[in-house]
Amino acid sequence: MDTNIIYIIAFLVILGLIFYFFMLRPQRKKQQEHERLISQLKQGDTVITAGGIYGRVENVDQDSVILKIESGGTIRVAKSSISNREQS
């Protein structure tokens, strides 16, 4: 009976490690990359929002970014909605 408990515990540990390496670790890495992207935003960067809006950064505030869009207008979006920076 004691060997069954050891096998169950070993199985749960292995299952936990698999969950960590395939789910939690990549998500944390992606979150850190996004936080780094947000912290490095500067005027003139071309970005894409989570909603698919392309724009050039005009101003960076503490919680928001003002983007100049193709039509010439400007919009204010939350910093967290910036999903990617385009390479120029």
Foldseek 3Di string as FASTA:
>chain_A
DVVVVVVVVVVVVVVVVVCCVPPVVVVVVLVVVLVVVLVPDDFQWWFAFLVGFTFGFHDDDPFWTWGQGPVRDIDIDGSSRTDGTDDD
